[in-house]
């Protein structure tokens, strides 16, 4: 379900442990909503399972997970970035929810399908084409245990 993440929603995500502790200083102080000094314009939780693709032996399982992420993103986001006030440069924070803790390399691989979908939506083109564009600044995190999914926070502001 796509929506603008207001302060109340972000405080609830923080209470449930879905956000990194340092991402929400503005919510704690009741000043304008911020994600590491950048405003959050869109927050979405994709109800999909992610796994370390490096250790996956079956191409069918990987393909099934990638398709699930693409379908969840398409079902969730049905408007253009410009329609909700997004403009480059973008700061995207992807958080893997649930499962066991992964090391940095495996976390990156597990989040690749989500990263490709977000980049294609923001910049146009096909999934996987423009995820290395300099207009995009990526941050990855994980919250093991609990509900499974991918938390996507998109804001404007670019690099640090």
N, C-alpha and C. Protein backbone atom coordinates (compact mmCIF):
# COMPACT_ATOMS: atom_id res chain seq x y z
N UNK A 1 0.82 -1.18 0.00
CA UNK A 1 0.00 0.00 0.00
C UNK A 1 0.87 1.24 0.00
N UNK A 2 0.86 2.01 -1.06
CA UNK A 2 1.67 3.21 -1.14
C UNK A 2 1.01 4.35 -0.41
N UNK A 3 1.80 5.17 0.27
CA UNK A 3 1.26 6.30 0.99
C UNK A 3 2.40 7.21 1.39
N UNK A 4 2.03 8.43 1.75
CA UNK A 4 3.02 9.35 2.30
C UNK A 4 3.22 8.98 3.76
N UNK A 5 4.44 8.83 4.19
CA UNK A 5 4.71 8.47 5.58
C UNK A 5 4.68 9.74 6.43
N UNK A 6 3.63 9.90 7.22
CA UNK A 6 3.56 11.05 8.11
C UNK A 6 4.28 10.73 9.42
N UNK A 7 4.40 11.71 10.29
CA UNK A 7 5.15 11.53 11.53
C UNK A 7 4.56 10.42 12.40
N UNK A 8 3.24 10.30 12.44
CA UNK A 8 2.61 9.26 13.26
C UNK A 8 2.98 7.87 12.75
N UNK A 9 2.92 7.68 11.44
CA UNK A 9 3.28 6.39 10.84
C UNK A 9 4.75 6.06 11.11
N UNK A 10 5.62 7.05 10.94
CA UNK A 10 7.06 6.81 11.17
C UNK A 10 7.34 6.50 12.63
N UNK A 11 6.63 7.16 13.57
CA UNK A 11 6.82 6.84 14.99
C UNK A 11 6.40 5.40 15.27
N UNK A 12 5.31 4.95 14.64
CA UNK A 12 4.87 3.56 14.82
C UNK A 12 5.91 2.59 14.26
N UNK A 13 6.48 2.90 13.10
CA UNK A 13 7.53 2.03 12.53
C UNK A 13 8.74 2.00 13.46
N UNK A 14 9.07 3.16 14.03
CA UNK A 14 10.20 3.20 14.96
C UNK A 14 9.90 2.37 16.20
N UNK A 15 8.67 2.46 16.73
CA UNK A 15 8.29 1.69 17.91
C UNK A 15 8.40 0.20 17.65
N UNK A 16 8.01 -0.24 16.45
CA UNK A 16 8.06 -1.65 16.10
C UNK A 16 9.47 -2.11 15.72
N UNK A 17 10.43 -1.19 15.68
CA UNK A 17 11.80 -1.57 15.37
C UNK A 17 12.07 -1.71 13.89
N UNK A 18 11.26 -1.08 13.04
CA UNK A 18 11.44 -1.20 11.60
C UNK A 18 12.41 -0.17 11.04
N UNK A 19 12.73 0.85 11.81
CA UNK A 19 13.64 1.90 11.35
C UNK A 19 14.94 1.85 12.13
N UNK A 20 16.04 2.22 11.48
CA UNK A 20 17.30 2.33 12.21
C UNK A 20 17.17 3.40 13.28
N UNK A 21 17.80 3.22 14.44
CA UNK A 21 17.64 4.18 15.54
C UNK A 21 18.04 5.60 15.17
N UNK A 22 19.04 5.76 14.31
CA UNK A 22 19.51 7.10 13.97
C UNK A 22 18.74 7.73 12.81
N UNK A 23 17.77 7.03 12.25
CA UNK A 23 17.05 7.56 11.09
C UNK A 23 15.94 8.51 11.47
N UNK A 24 15.51 8.50 12.72
CA UNK A 24 14.34 9.25 13.07
C UNK A 24 14.53 10.30 14.17
N UNK A 25 15.60 11.06 14.18
CA UNK A 25 15.74 12.06 15.24
C UNK A 25 14.65 13.11 15.21
N UNK A 26 14.14 13.45 14.04
CA UNK A 26 13.11 14.48 13.95
C UNK A 26 11.78 14.01 14.51
N UNK A 27 11.48 12.74 14.40
CA UNK A 27 10.22 12.24 14.94
C UNK A 27 10.25 12.32 16.46
N UNK A 28 11.39 12.00 17.07
CA UNK A 28 11.50 12.05 18.52
C UNK A 28 11.31 13.48 19.04
N UNK A 29 11.80 14.47 18.29
CA UNK A 29 11.73 15.85 18.76
C UNK A 29 10.51 16.59 18.24
N UNK A 30 9.67 15.89 17.47
CA UNK A 30 8.45 16.46 16.91
C UNK A 30 8.72 17.66 16.01
N UNK A 31 9.86 17.65 15.32
CA UNK A 31 10.15 18.64 14.30
C UNK A 31 9.85 17.99 12.95
N UNK A 32 10.00 18.67 11.83
CA UNK A 32 9.67 18.05 10.55
C UNK A 32 10.35 16.69 10.37
N UNK A 33 9.61 15.76 9.77
CA UNK A 33 10.08 14.38 9.61
C UNK A 33 11.37 14.35 8.81
N UNK A 34 12.33 13.55 9.28
CA UNK A 34 13.61 13.46 8.58
C UNK A 34 14.15 12.04 8.63
N UNK A 35 14.93 11.67 7.66
CA UNK A 35 15.63 10.39 7.62
C UNK A 35 17.09 10.75 7.43
N UNK A 36 17.85 10.72 8.50
CA UNK A 36 19.27 11.04 8.45
C UNK A 36 19.49 12.36 7.70
N UNK A 37 18.84 13.40 8.15
CA UNK A 37 18.94 14.76 7.62
C UNK A 37 18.24 14.95 6.29
N UNK A 38 17.48 13.97 5.79
CA UNK A 38 16.78 14.10 4.53
C UNK A 38 15.30 13.81 4.78
N UNK A 39 14.43 14.53 4.10
CA UNK A 39 13.01 14.31 4.35
C UNK A 39 12.53 13.01 3.71
N UNK A 40 11.66 12.32 4.42
CA UNK A 40 11.04 11.10 3.90
C UNK A 40 9.77 11.52 3.17
N UNK A 41 9.69 11.20 1.90
CA UNK A 41 8.51 11.54 1.12
C UNK A 41 7.60 10.34 0.96
N UNK A 42 8.19 9.14 0.91
CA UNK A 42 7.40 7.94 0.69
C UNK A 42 7.94 6.81 1.54
N UNK A 43 7.07 6.10 2.20
CA UNK A 43 7.45 4.92 2.97
C UNK A 43 6.53 3.77 2.62
N UNK A 44 7.11 2.61 2.30
CA UNK A 44 6.34 1.45 1.86
C UNK A 44 6.94 0.20 2.48
N UNK A 45 6.09 -0.72 2.94
CA UNK A 45 6.56 -2.04 3.36
C UNK A 45 6.06 -3.05 2.34
N UNK A 46 7.00 -3.74 1.69
CA UNK A 46 6.65 -4.78 0.73
C UNK A 46 6.59 -6.11 1.46
N UNK A 47 5.47 -6.81 1.42
CA UNK A 47 5.34 -8.09 2.14
C UNK A 47 5.95 -9.25 1.35
N UNK A 48 7.26 -9.25 1.20
CA UNK A 48 7.95 -10.28 0.43
C UNK A 48 9.06 -10.89 1.28
N UNK A 49 9.46 -12.09 0.90
CA UNK A 49 10.57 -12.76 1.59
C UNK A 49 11.85 -12.52 0.81
N UNK A 50 12.91 -12.16 1.52
CA UNK A 50 14.21 -11.99 0.89
C UNK A 50 15.16 -13.04 1.45
N UNK A 51 16.13 -13.42 0.65
CA UNK A 51 17.11 -14.41 1.08
C UNK A 51 18.44 -14.09 0.43
N UNK A 52 19.50 -14.63 0.98
CA UNK A 52 20.82 -14.45 0.41
C UNK A 52 20.87 -15.14 -0.95
N UNK A 53 20.99 -14.35 -2.00
CA UNK A 53 21.03 -14.93 -3.35
C UNK A 53 22.38 -15.59 -3.62
N UNK A 54 23.42 -15.19 -2.91
CA UNK A 54 24.75 -15.79 -3.09
C UNK A 54 24.75 -17.27 -2.71
N UNK A 55 23.96 -17.62 -1.72
CA UNK A 55 23.94 -19.00 -1.24
C UNK A 55 22.80 -19.81 -1.82
N UNK A 56 22.03 -19.21 -2.71
CA UNK A 56 20.88 -19.90 -3.31
C UNK A 56 21.37 -20.80 -4.44
N UNK A 57 21.03 -22.05 -4.37
CA UNK A 57 21.49 -23.00 -5.39
C UNK A 57 20.49 -23.16 -6.53
N UNK A 58 19.27 -22.75 -6.33
CA UNK A 58 18.23 -22.97 -7.33
C UNK A 58 17.88 -21.66 -8.03
N UNK A 59 18.06 -21.62 -9.33
CA UNK A 59 17.70 -20.42 -10.08
C UNK A 59 16.20 -20.20 -10.06
N UNK A 60 15.43 -21.27 -9.92
CA UNK A 60 13.98 -21.12 -9.87
C UNK A 60 13.53 -20.39 -8.61
N UNK A 61 14.16 -20.72 -7.49
CA UNK A 61 13.80 -20.05 -6.23
C UNK A 61 14.15 -18.56 -6.30
N UNK A 62 15.32 -18.26 -6.85
CA UNK A 62 15.73 -16.86 -6.98
C UNK A 62 14.77 -16.12 -7.91
N UNK A 63 14.42 -16.73 -9.02
CA UNK A 63 13.51 -16.12 -9.97
C UNK A 63 12.15 -15.88 -9.34
N UNK A 64 11.68 -16.81 -8.55
CA UNK A 64 10.38 -16.69 -7.87
C UNK A 64 10.40 -15.51 -6.89
N UNK A 65 11.49 -15.37 -6.12
CA UNK A 65 11.59 -14.25 -5.17
C UNK A 65 11.67 -12.91 -5.90
N UNK A 66 12.45 -12.86 -6.98
CA UNK A 66 12.58 -11.62 -7.75
C UNK A 66 11.23 -11.22 -8.33
N UNK A 67 10.50 -12.16 -8.89
CA UNK A 67 9.18 -11.88 -9.45
C UNK A 67 8.23 -11.39 -8.37
N UNK A 68 8.30 -11.99 -7.17
CA UNK A 68 7.43 -11.58 -6.07
C UNK A 68 7.69 -10.13 -5.68
N UNK A 69 8.96 -9.73 -5.65
CA UNK A 69 9.30 -8.34 -5.32
C UNK A 69 8.76 -7.40 -6.39
N UNK A 70 8.96 -7.75 -7.65
CA UNK A 70 8.48 -6.89 -8.74
C UNK A 70 6.96 -6.75 -8.70
N UNK A 71 6.26 -7.86 -8.46
CA UNK A 71 4.80 -7.81 -8.40
C UNK A 71 4.30 -7.01 -7.20
N UNK A 72 4.97 -7.17 -6.06
CA UNK A 72 4.57 -6.41 -4.86
C UNK A 72 4.79 -4.92 -5.09
N UNK A 73 5.91 -4.55 -5.72
CA UNK A 73 6.19 -3.14 -5.99
C UNK A 73 5.15 -2.58 -6.96
N UNK A 74 4.84 -3.31 -8.02
CA UNK A 74 3.87 -2.85 -9.01
C UNK A 74 2.48 -2.71 -8.39
N UNK A 75 2.12 -3.62 -7.50
CA UNK A 75 0.80 -3.56 -6.86
C UNK A 75 0.72 -2.43 -5.84
N UNK A 76 1.86 -2.05 -5.28
CA UNK A 76 1.89 -1.03 -4.23
C UNK A 76 1.95 0.37 -4.80
N UNK A 77 2.80 0.58 -5.77
CA UNK A 77 3.04 1.92 -6.31
C UNK A 77 2.40 2.02 -7.68
N UNK A 78 1.39 2.88 -7.78
CA UNK A 78 0.67 3.03 -9.05
C UNK A 78 0.70 4.46 -9.59
N UNK A 79 1.56 5.30 -9.03
CA UNK A 79 1.66 6.68 -9.49
C UNK A 79 3.11 6.98 -9.85
N UNK A 80 3.30 8.02 -10.63
CA UNK A 80 4.64 8.45 -11.01
C UNK A 80 5.28 9.20 -9.84
N UNK A 81 6.62 9.16 -9.72
CA UNK A 81 7.28 9.86 -8.62
C UNK A 81 6.93 11.35 -8.57
N UNK A 82 6.76 11.97 -9.72
CA UNK A 82 6.46 13.40 -9.76
C UNK A 82 5.10 13.71 -9.15
N UNK A 83 4.19 12.76 -9.20
CA UNK A 83 2.83 12.99 -8.69
C UNK A 83 2.79 13.08 -7.17
N UNK A 84 3.81 12.57 -6.48
CA UNK A 84 3.83 12.67 -5.02
C UNK A 84 4.93 13.59 -4.53
N UNK A 85 5.45 14.42 -5.43
CA UNK A 85 6.41 15.45 -5.03
C UNK A 85 7.85 15.01 -4.97
N UNK A 86 8.20 13.90 -5.60
CA UNK A 86 9.59 13.45 -5.61
C UNK A 86 10.33 14.04 -6.81
N UNK A 87 11.55 14.49 -6.57
CA UNK A 87 12.41 15.00 -7.63
C UNK A 87 13.85 14.64 -7.28
N UNK A 88 14.70 14.41 -8.29
CA UNK A 88 16.09 14.04 -8.02
C UNK A 88 16.83 15.17 -7.33
N UNK A 89 17.90 14.88 -6.62
CA UNK A 89 18.47 13.56 -6.32
C UNK A 89 17.67 12.85 -5.22
N UNK A 90 17.76 11.53 -5.21
CA UNK A 90 16.99 10.71 -4.28
C UNK A 90 17.89 10.04 -3.25
N UNK A 91 17.35 9.84 -2.07
CA UNK A 91 18.01 9.05 -1.01
C UNK A 91 17.06 7.92 -0.68
N UNK A 92 17.52 6.67 -0.87
CA UNK A 92 16.68 5.50 -0.66
C UNK A 92 17.28 4.64 0.44
N UNK A 93 16.46 4.30 1.41
CA UNK A 93 16.88 3.44 2.53
C UNK A 93 16.06 2.16 2.46
N UNK A 94 16.73 1.03 2.20
CA UNK A 94 16.07 -0.27 2.14
C UNK A 94 16.41 -1.06 3.39
N UNK A 95 15.39 -1.55 4.08
CA UNK A 95 15.60 -2.34 5.30
C UNK A 95 14.96 -3.71 5.11
N UNK A 96 15.77 -4.74 5.27
CA UNK A 96 15.28 -6.12 5.20
C UNK A 96 14.67 -6.47 6.54
N UNK A 97 13.43 -6.92 6.53
CA UNK A 97 12.71 -7.26 7.76
C UNK A 97 12.61 -8.78 7.89
N UNK A 98 12.79 -9.28 9.09
CA UNK A 98 12.62 -10.71 9.36
C UNK A 98 13.80 -11.54 8.92
N UNK A 99 13.68 -12.85 9.17
CA UNK A 99 14.76 -13.76 8.81
C UNK A 99 15.94 -13.65 9.75
N UNK A 100 17.03 -14.28 9.36
CA UNK A 100 18.24 -14.23 10.18
C UNK A 100 19.14 -13.10 9.68
N UNK A 101 20.10 -12.72 10.50
CA UNK A 101 21.02 -11.65 10.13
C UNK A 101 21.94 -12.11 9.01
N UNK A 102 22.15 -11.25 8.02
CA UNK A 102 23.05 -11.53 6.90
C UNK A 102 24.25 -10.61 6.99
N UNK A 103 25.39 -11.06 6.44
CA UNK A 103 26.53 -10.16 6.37
C UNK A 103 26.27 -9.14 5.26
N UNK A 104 27.14 -8.14 5.13
CA UNK A 104 26.89 -7.03 4.21
C UNK A 104 26.76 -7.49 2.76
N UNK A 105 27.61 -8.41 2.31
CA UNK A 105 27.54 -8.86 0.92
C UNK A 105 26.24 -9.59 0.64
N UNK A 106 25.82 -10.45 1.53
CA UNK A 106 24.58 -11.19 1.33
C UNK A 106 23.36 -10.29 1.47
N UNK A 107 23.44 -9.28 2.34
CA UNK A 107 22.33 -8.33 2.47
C UNK A 107 22.13 -7.58 1.16
N UNK A 108 23.23 -7.13 0.57
CA UNK A 108 23.15 -6.42 -0.71
C UNK A 108 22.51 -7.29 -1.78
N UNK A 109 22.92 -8.56 -1.86
CA UNK A 109 22.35 -9.48 -2.84
C UNK A 109 20.88 -9.76 -2.59
N UNK A 110 20.49 -9.87 -1.34
CA UNK A 110 19.09 -10.14 -1.00
C UNK A 110 18.20 -8.96 -1.36
N UNK A 111 18.75 -7.75 -1.35
CA UNK A 111 17.96 -6.55 -1.61
C UNK A 111 18.05 -6.08 -3.07
N UNK A 112 18.77 -6.81 -3.92
CA UNK A 112 19.00 -6.40 -5.29
C UNK A 112 17.69 -6.22 -6.08
N UNK A 113 16.76 -7.14 -5.96
CA UNK A 113 15.51 -7.03 -6.72
C UNK A 113 14.72 -5.79 -6.30
N UNK A 114 14.68 -5.51 -5.00
CA UNK A 114 13.98 -4.31 -4.52
C UNK A 114 14.68 -3.05 -5.01
N UNK A 115 16.01 -3.06 -4.98
CA UNK A 115 16.79 -1.91 -5.46
C UNK A 115 16.51 -1.65 -6.93
N UNK A 116 16.49 -2.70 -7.74
CA UNK A 116 16.21 -2.55 -9.17
C UNK A 116 14.82 -1.98 -9.42
N UNK A 117 13.83 -2.45 -8.69
CA UNK A 117 12.45 -1.96 -8.87
C UNK A 117 12.33 -0.48 -8.52
N UNK A 118 12.92 -0.09 -7.42
CA UNK A 118 12.85 1.31 -6.98
C UNK A 118 13.55 2.21 -8.00
N UNK A 119 14.74 1.81 -8.45
CA UNK A 119 15.49 2.62 -9.43
C UNK A 119 14.71 2.76 -10.73
N UNK A 120 14.13 1.67 -11.20
CA UNK A 120 13.36 1.73 -12.45
C UNK A 120 12.15 2.65 -12.30
N UNK A 121 11.50 2.61 -11.14
CA UNK A 121 10.34 3.47 -10.90
C UNK A 121 10.75 4.94 -10.85
N UNK A 122 11.85 5.24 -10.15
CA UNK A 122 12.26 6.63 -9.99
C UNK A 122 12.81 7.24 -11.26
N UNK A 123 13.60 6.46 -12.02
CA UNK A 123 14.31 7.02 -13.17
C UNK A 123 13.79 6.53 -14.52
N UNK A 124 12.86 5.60 -14.51
CA UNK A 124 12.36 5.05 -15.76
C UNK A 124 13.28 3.94 -16.26
N UNK A 125 12.89 3.31 -17.32
CA UNK A 125 13.69 2.22 -17.86
C UNK A 125 13.28 0.89 -17.30
N UNK A 126 14.07 -0.13 -17.62
CA UNK A 126 13.78 -1.48 -17.17
C UNK A 126 14.43 -1.75 -15.82
N UNK A 127 13.90 -2.72 -15.11
CA UNK A 127 14.44 -3.11 -13.82
C UNK A 127 15.89 -3.57 -13.98
N UNK A 128 16.79 -3.00 -13.19
CA UNK A 128 18.20 -3.38 -13.23
C UNK A 128 19.07 -2.52 -14.12
N UNK A 129 18.46 -1.61 -14.90
CA UNK A 129 19.23 -0.80 -15.83
C UNK A 129 19.95 0.37 -15.18
N UNK A 130 19.26 1.08 -14.27
CA UNK A 130 19.78 2.37 -13.83
C UNK A 130 20.00 2.46 -12.32
N UNK A 131 20.23 1.33 -11.66
CA UNK A 131 20.37 1.36 -10.21
C UNK A 131 21.70 1.95 -9.75
N UNK A 132 22.63 2.19 -10.67
CA UNK A 132 23.91 2.81 -10.30
C UNK A 132 23.98 4.29 -10.69
N UNK A 133 22.85 4.89 -11.01
CA UNK A 133 22.78 6.28 -11.41
C UNK A 133 23.26 7.19 -10.28
N UNK A 134 24.04 8.23 -10.57
CA UNK A 134 24.54 9.12 -9.51
C UNK A 134 23.45 9.93 -8.80
N UNK A 135 22.24 9.97 -9.37
CA UNK A 135 21.13 10.68 -8.72
C UNK A 135 20.56 9.89 -7.55
N UNK A 136 20.98 8.63 -7.40
CA UNK A 136 20.46 7.75 -6.36
C UNK A 136 21.53 7.49 -5.31
N UNK A 137 21.17 7.69 -4.04
CA UNK A 137 22.04 7.34 -2.93
C UNK A 137 21.34 6.25 -2.13
N UNK A 138 22.02 5.12 -1.96
CA UNK A 138 21.41 3.94 -1.34
C UNK A 138 21.95 3.72 0.05
N UNK A 139 21.10 3.25 0.94
CA UNK A 139 21.49 2.81 2.29
C UNK A 139 20.74 1.51 2.56
N UNK A 140 21.43 0.54 3.16
CA UNK A 140 20.83 -0.77 3.44
C UNK A 140 20.92 -1.06 4.93
N UNK A 141 19.90 -1.73 5.44
CA UNK A 141 19.87 -2.13 6.84
C UNK A 141 19.03 -3.39 6.96
N UNK A 142 19.04 -4.00 8.14
CA UNK A 142 18.22 -5.19 8.37
C UNK A 142 17.74 -5.23 9.80
N UNK A 143 16.57 -5.80 9.99
CA UNK A 143 15.96 -6.02 11.29
C UNK A 143 15.57 -7.49 11.36
N UNK A 144 16.48 -8.37 11.84
CA UNK A 144 16.17 -9.81 11.89
C UNK A 144 15.02 -10.11 12.85
N UNK A 145 14.35 -11.23 12.59
CA UNK A 145 13.23 -11.66 13.43
C UNK A 145 11.98 -10.86 13.11
N UNK A 146 10.85 -11.40 13.52
CA UNK A 146 9.58 -10.70 13.33
C UNK A 146 9.04 -10.85 11.92
N UNK A 147 8.22 -9.88 11.53
CA UNK A 147 7.58 -9.91 10.22
C UNK A 147 8.62 -9.87 9.11
N UNK A 148 8.32 -10.55 8.01
CA UNK A 148 9.21 -10.54 6.86
C UNK A 148 8.74 -9.52 5.85
N UNK A 149 9.69 -8.89 5.18
CA UNK A 149 9.35 -7.93 4.16
C UNK A 149 10.53 -7.01 3.88
N UNK A 150 10.26 -5.97 3.13
CA UNK A 150 11.25 -4.96 2.81
C UNK A 150 10.63 -3.59 3.07
N UNK A 151 11.24 -2.81 3.94
CA UNK A 151 10.82 -1.44 4.20
C UNK A 151 11.59 -0.53 3.26
N UNK A 152 10.86 0.25 2.47
CA UNK A 152 11.46 1.18 1.51
C UNK A 152 11.11 2.59 1.95
N UNK A 153 12.14 3.40 2.24
CA UNK A 153 11.95 4.81 2.55
C UNK A 153 12.64 5.61 1.45
N UNK A 154 11.90 6.51 0.81
CA UNK A 154 12.45 7.32 -0.27
C UNK A 154 12.32 8.78 0.10
N UNK A 155 13.41 9.49 0.00
CA UNK A 155 13.41 10.92 0.27
C UNK A 155 14.23 11.64 -0.78
N UNK A 156 14.27 12.94 -0.66
CA UNK A 156 15.06 13.73 -1.59
C UNK A 156 16.26 14.27 -0.84
N UNK A 157 17.36 14.44 -1.53
CA UNK A 157 18.52 15.01 -0.88
C UNK A 157 19.83 14.43 -1.33
N UNK A 158 19.84 13.27 -1.90
CA UNK A 158 21.07 12.69 -2.44
C UNK A 158 22.08 12.35 -1.39
N UNK A 159 23.35 12.41 -1.76
CA UNK A 159 24.46 11.97 -0.91
C UNK A 159 24.65 12.82 0.32
N UNK A 160 25.49 12.32 1.22
CA UNK A 160 25.72 12.98 2.51
C UNK A 160 26.78 14.03 2.37
